Structures are given as structure tokens and as C-alpha cells.
Amino acid sequence: MHIPDGYLSPQTAIPFVVAMVPIWGIAVKKVQSEVKKKEVPVLAIGAAFSFTIMMFNLPIPGGSSAHAVGAVLLAILLGPWAA
């Protein structure tokens, strides 16, 4: 679900960012230790593919739109921490 710009106040957004920093650090360490050098191009191409398919919005009833999420494919191919 998307929320409009400015919807989250700094009092809400900052604690969530602070909470995510250690999780991002864990993810980086796990990817560095678990993803082999041969899989790095797959990760890069997968990230580009994921970004590309997310640019195409599909209209859904109610006047909103949805888009595909490529992170699921990356999680299947390279594990959840890489996604």
C-alpha cells in the first residue's frame, strides 16, 4: 500500500528508520557471507528487473492501482536477506 508524501510525521518516521538500521546491517552482513560472487550478477539483474516491473501500474477496482513486486522472485532465487 502506498501512502502520500508528508503523511507520516517525523515523530513517526524517524523511530521506524532507527529501528530498521540494525536490520539493514544484518541483511548486508548475511548477503556478504551467503551470496557467492557468481550470484552477484543475478542479484544485480534481479534488482533491475524488480525495479522495472514495479514501474508498471495495474488499475484495480476502486480507482487505485497495484504493481508487481520483484522482491518475491529475488527471495526465491537468492534467499530472503538478499531480497
N, C-alpha and C. Protein backbone atom coordinates (compact mmCIF):
# COMPACT_ATOMS: atom_id res chain seq x y z
N MET A 1 0.85 -1.16 0.00
CA MET A 1 0.00 0.00 0.00
C MET A 1 0.90 1.23 0.00
N HIS A 2 0.50 2.21 -0.77
CA HIS A 2 1.27 3.44 -0.84
C HIS A 2 0.59 4.51 0.01
N ILE A 3 1.41 5.36 0.59
CA ILE A 3 0.87 6.48 1.35
C ILE A 3 1.39 7.77 0.71
N PRO A 4 0.65 8.84 0.78
CA PRO A 4 1.08 10.09 0.15
C PRO A 4 2.28 10.71 0.88
N ASP A 5 3.00 11.55 0.14
CA ASP A 5 4.13 12.27 0.73
C ASP A 5 3.64 13.14 1.88
N GLY A 6 4.41 13.18 2.93
CA GLY A 6 4.08 14.01 4.08
C GLY A 6 3.06 13.40 5.01
N TYR A 7 2.61 12.18 4.73
CA TYR A 7 1.58 11.56 5.56
C TYR A 7 2.12 11.17 6.93
N LEU A 8 3.35 10.63 6.94
CA LEU A 8 3.97 10.25 8.22
C LEU A 8 4.74 11.45 8.77
N SER A 9 4.47 11.78 10.00
CA SER A 9 5.19 12.88 10.64
C SER A 9 6.60 12.41 10.99
N PRO A 10 7.52 13.34 11.18
CA PRO A 10 8.86 12.95 11.60
C PRO A 10 8.86 12.14 12.90
N GLN A 11 7.91 12.44 13.80
CA GLN A 11 7.83 11.70 15.06
C GLN A 11 7.48 10.23 14.82
N THR A 12 6.85 9.93 13.71
CA THR A 12 6.52 8.55 13.37
C THR A 12 7.62 7.92 12.52
N ALA A 13 8.09 8.64 11.52
CA ALA A 13 9.04 8.08 10.56
C ALA A 13 10.42 7.82 11.16
N ILE A 14 10.93 8.74 11.94
CA ILE A 14 12.29 8.61 12.47
C ILE A 14 12.47 7.36 13.33
N PRO A 15 11.57 7.05 14.26
CA PRO A 15 11.76 5.81 15.02
C PRO A 15 11.76 4.55 14.15
N PHE A 16 10.96 4.55 13.09
CA PHE A 16 10.96 3.39 12.20
C PHE A 16 12.27 3.27 11.44
N VAL A 17 12.82 4.39 11.00
CA VAL A 17 14.12 4.36 10.32
C VAL A 17 15.20 3.88 11.29
N VAL A 18 15.19 4.39 12.50
CA VAL A 18 16.16 3.98 13.52
C VAL A 18 16.03 2.48 13.81
N ALA A 19 14.81 1.98 13.86
CA ALA A 19 14.59 0.55 14.11
C ALA A 19 15.09 -0.30 12.94
N MET A 20 15.04 0.23 11.72
CA MET A 20 15.43 -0.55 10.54
C MET A 20 16.94 -0.58 10.31
N VAL A 21 17.68 0.41 10.80
CA VAL A 21 19.12 0.46 10.54
C VAL A 21 19.83 -0.82 10.97
N PRO A 22 19.60 -1.37 12.18
CA PRO A 22 20.28 -2.62 12.53
C PRO A 22 19.83 -3.80 11.65
N ILE A 23 18.58 -3.80 11.24
CA ILE A 23 18.09 -4.89 10.39
C ILE A 23 18.76 -4.82 9.02
N TRP A 24 18.92 -3.61 8.47
CA TRP A 24 19.64 -3.46 7.21
C TRP A 24 21.08 -3.92 7.36
N GLY A 25 21.71 -3.61 8.49
CA GLY A 25 23.08 -4.06 8.74
C GLY A 25 23.18 -5.58 8.77
N ILE A 26 22.23 -6.23 9.43
CA ILE A 26 22.21 -7.70 9.47
C ILE A 26 22.03 -8.25 8.07
N ALA A 27 21.14 -7.65 7.29
CA ALA A 27 20.90 -8.12 5.92
C ALA A 27 22.16 -7.99 5.08
N VAL A 28 22.87 -6.87 5.20
CA VAL A 28 24.10 -6.68 4.43
C VAL A 28 25.13 -7.74 4.81
N LYS A 29 25.31 -7.99 6.10
CA LYS A 29 26.29 -9.00 6.53
C LYS A 29 25.91 -10.39 6.05
N LYS A 30 24.62 -10.74 6.12
CA LYS A 30 24.18 -12.05 5.66
C LYS A 30 24.38 -12.21 4.16
N VAL A 31 24.07 -11.18 3.40
CA VAL A 31 24.26 -11.25 1.95
C VAL A 31 25.74 -11.36 1.62
N GLN A 32 26.58 -10.61 2.31
CA GLN A 32 28.02 -10.69 2.05
C GLN A 32 28.57 -12.07 2.36
N SER A 33 28.03 -12.74 3.38
CA SER A 33 28.56 -14.05 3.75
C SER A 33 27.90 -15.20 2.99
N GLU A 34 26.65 -15.03 2.56
CA GLU A 34 25.92 -16.14 1.96
C GLU A 34 25.85 -16.10 0.44
N VAL A 35 25.85 -14.93 -0.15
CA VAL A 35 25.74 -14.83 -1.61
C VAL A 35 27.14 -14.98 -2.20
N LYS A 36 27.27 -15.96 -3.08
CA LYS A 36 28.56 -16.21 -3.71
C LYS A 36 28.82 -15.17 -4.79
N LYS A 37 30.10 -14.99 -5.13
CA LYS A 37 30.46 -13.99 -6.14
C LYS A 37 29.78 -14.27 -7.47
N LYS A 38 29.54 -15.55 -7.78
CA LYS A 38 28.87 -15.89 -9.03
C LYS A 38 27.41 -15.44 -9.03
N GLU A 39 26.82 -15.23 -7.85
CA GLU A 39 25.42 -14.84 -7.75
C GLU A 39 25.21 -13.33 -7.75
N VAL A 40 26.29 -12.56 -7.66
CA VAL A 40 26.17 -11.10 -7.62
C VAL A 40 25.52 -10.55 -8.90
N PRO A 41 25.92 -11.02 -10.10
CA PRO A 41 25.21 -10.53 -11.29
C PRO A 41 23.72 -10.87 -11.29
N VAL A 42 23.36 -12.04 -10.75
CA VAL A 42 21.95 -12.41 -10.65
C VAL A 42 21.23 -11.43 -9.73
N LEU A 43 21.88 -11.07 -8.63
CA LEU A 43 21.29 -10.10 -7.69
C LEU A 43 21.10 -8.75 -8.37
N ALA A 44 22.11 -8.30 -9.11
CA ALA A 44 22.02 -7.00 -9.79
C ALA A 44 20.94 -7.01 -10.86
N ILE A 45 20.90 -8.05 -11.67
CA ILE A 45 19.88 -8.14 -12.72
C ILE A 45 18.50 -8.28 -12.10
N GLY A 46 18.41 -9.06 -11.02
CA GLY A 46 17.13 -9.21 -10.33
C GLY A 46 16.63 -7.90 -9.76
N ALA A 47 17.54 -7.10 -9.20
CA ALA A 47 17.15 -5.79 -8.65
C ALA A 47 16.66 -4.88 -9.77
N ALA A 48 17.36 -4.89 -10.91
CA ALA A 48 16.94 -4.07 -12.05
C ALA A 48 15.59 -4.54 -12.58
N PHE A 49 15.40 -5.86 -12.68
CA PHE A 49 14.13 -6.41 -13.15
C PHE A 49 13.01 -6.04 -12.19
N SER A 50 13.28 -6.17 -10.89
CA SER A 50 12.28 -5.84 -9.88
C SER A 50 11.86 -4.37 -10.00
N PHE A 51 12.83 -3.49 -10.15
CA PHE A 51 12.54 -2.07 -10.30
C PHE A 51 11.72 -1.81 -11.56
N THR A 52 12.08 -2.49 -12.64
CA THR A 52 11.39 -2.29 -13.92
C THR A 52 9.93 -2.71 -13.84
N ILE A 53 9.67 -3.91 -13.29
CA ILE A 53 8.27 -4.36 -13.26
C ILE A 53 7.43 -3.56 -12.29
N MET A 54 8.05 -2.95 -11.29
CA MET A 54 7.29 -2.13 -10.35
C MET A 54 6.87 -0.79 -10.95
N MET A 55 7.48 -0.41 -12.08
CA MET A 55 7.11 0.85 -12.71
C MET A 55 5.78 0.77 -13.45
N PHE A 56 5.30 -0.44 -13.73
CA PHE A 56 4.05 -0.61 -14.47
C PHE A 56 2.90 -0.81 -13.50
N ASN A 57 2.01 0.17 -13.45
CA ASN A 57 0.86 0.10 -12.56
C ASN A 57 -0.30 -0.59 -13.25
N LEU A 58 -1.00 -1.41 -12.49
CA LEU A 58 -2.18 -2.10 -12.99
C LEU A 58 -3.40 -1.52 -12.29
N PRO A 59 -4.39 -1.05 -13.05
CA PRO A 59 -5.58 -0.49 -12.40
C PRO A 59 -6.37 -1.58 -11.67
N ILE A 60 -6.85 -1.24 -10.50
CA ILE A 60 -7.70 -2.15 -9.74
C ILE A 60 -8.99 -1.42 -9.38
N PRO A 61 -10.06 -2.16 -9.12
CA PRO A 61 -11.33 -1.51 -8.80
C PRO A 61 -11.19 -0.56 -7.60
N GLY A 62 -11.94 0.49 -7.65
CA GLY A 62 -11.92 1.46 -6.56
C GLY A 62 -11.08 2.68 -6.87
N GLY A 63 -10.55 2.75 -8.10
CA GLY A 63 -9.77 3.92 -8.50
C GLY A 63 -8.33 3.91 -8.06
N SER A 64 -7.82 2.77 -7.63
CA SER A 64 -6.44 2.68 -7.18
C SER A 64 -5.64 1.87 -8.20
N SER A 65 -4.40 1.60 -7.89
CA SER A 65 -3.57 0.79 -8.78
C SER A 65 -2.66 -0.11 -7.95
N ALA A 66 -2.17 -1.14 -8.60
CA ALA A 66 -1.26 -2.09 -7.96
C ALA A 66 -0.08 -2.30 -8.90
N HIS A 67 0.97 -2.93 -8.39
CA HIS A 67 2.10 -3.28 -9.25
C HIS A 67 2.73 -4.57 -8.74
N ALA A 68 3.43 -5.23 -9.64
CA ALA A 68 4.12 -6.47 -9.27
C ALA A 68 5.28 -6.14 -8.33
N VAL A 69 5.65 -7.11 -7.51
CA VAL A 69 6.75 -6.94 -6.58
C VAL A 69 7.81 -7.99 -6.90
N GLY A 70 8.95 -7.54 -7.39
CA GLY A 70 10.00 -8.47 -7.79
C GLY A 70 10.80 -9.03 -6.64
N ALA A 71 10.64 -8.49 -5.44
CA ALA A 71 11.40 -8.98 -4.29
C ALA A 71 11.06 -10.43 -3.98
N VAL A 72 9.85 -10.85 -4.30
CA VAL A 72 9.47 -12.25 -4.06
C VAL A 72 10.32 -13.17 -4.92
N LEU A 73 10.50 -12.81 -6.19
CA LEU A 73 11.34 -13.61 -7.08
C LEU A 73 12.78 -13.63 -6.59
N LEU A 74 13.30 -12.49 -6.15
CA LEU A 74 14.66 -12.45 -5.61
C LEU A 74 14.79 -13.31 -4.36
N ALA A 75 13.77 -13.29 -3.50
CA ALA A 75 13.81 -14.11 -2.29
C ALA A 75 13.83 -15.59 -2.63
N ILE A 76 13.10 -15.99 -3.66
CA ILE A 76 13.11 -17.39 -4.08
C ILE A 76 14.47 -17.77 -4.64
N LEU A 77 15.06 -16.89 -5.44
CA LEU A 77 16.34 -17.21 -6.09
C LEU A 77 17.53 -17.11 -5.16
N LEU A 78 17.57 -16.08 -4.30
CA LEU A 78 18.78 -15.80 -3.52
C LEU A 78 18.58 -15.79 -2.01
N GLY A 79 17.37 -16.00 -1.56
CA GLY A 79 17.11 -16.01 -0.12
C GLY A 79 16.49 -14.71 0.33
N PRO A 80 15.84 -14.73 1.48
CA PRO A 80 15.09 -13.55 1.93
C PRO A 80 15.96 -12.35 2.27
N TRP A 81 17.18 -12.56 2.74
CA TRP A 81 18.00 -11.42 3.12
C TRP A 81 18.48 -10.65 1.90
N ALA A 82 18.67 -11.33 0.78
CA ALA A 82 19.09 -10.64 -0.45
C ALA A 82 17.94 -9.84 -1.04
N ALA A 83 16.72 -10.30 -0.81
CA ALA A 83 15.57 -9.59 -1.39
C ALA A 83 15.38 -8.27 -0.67
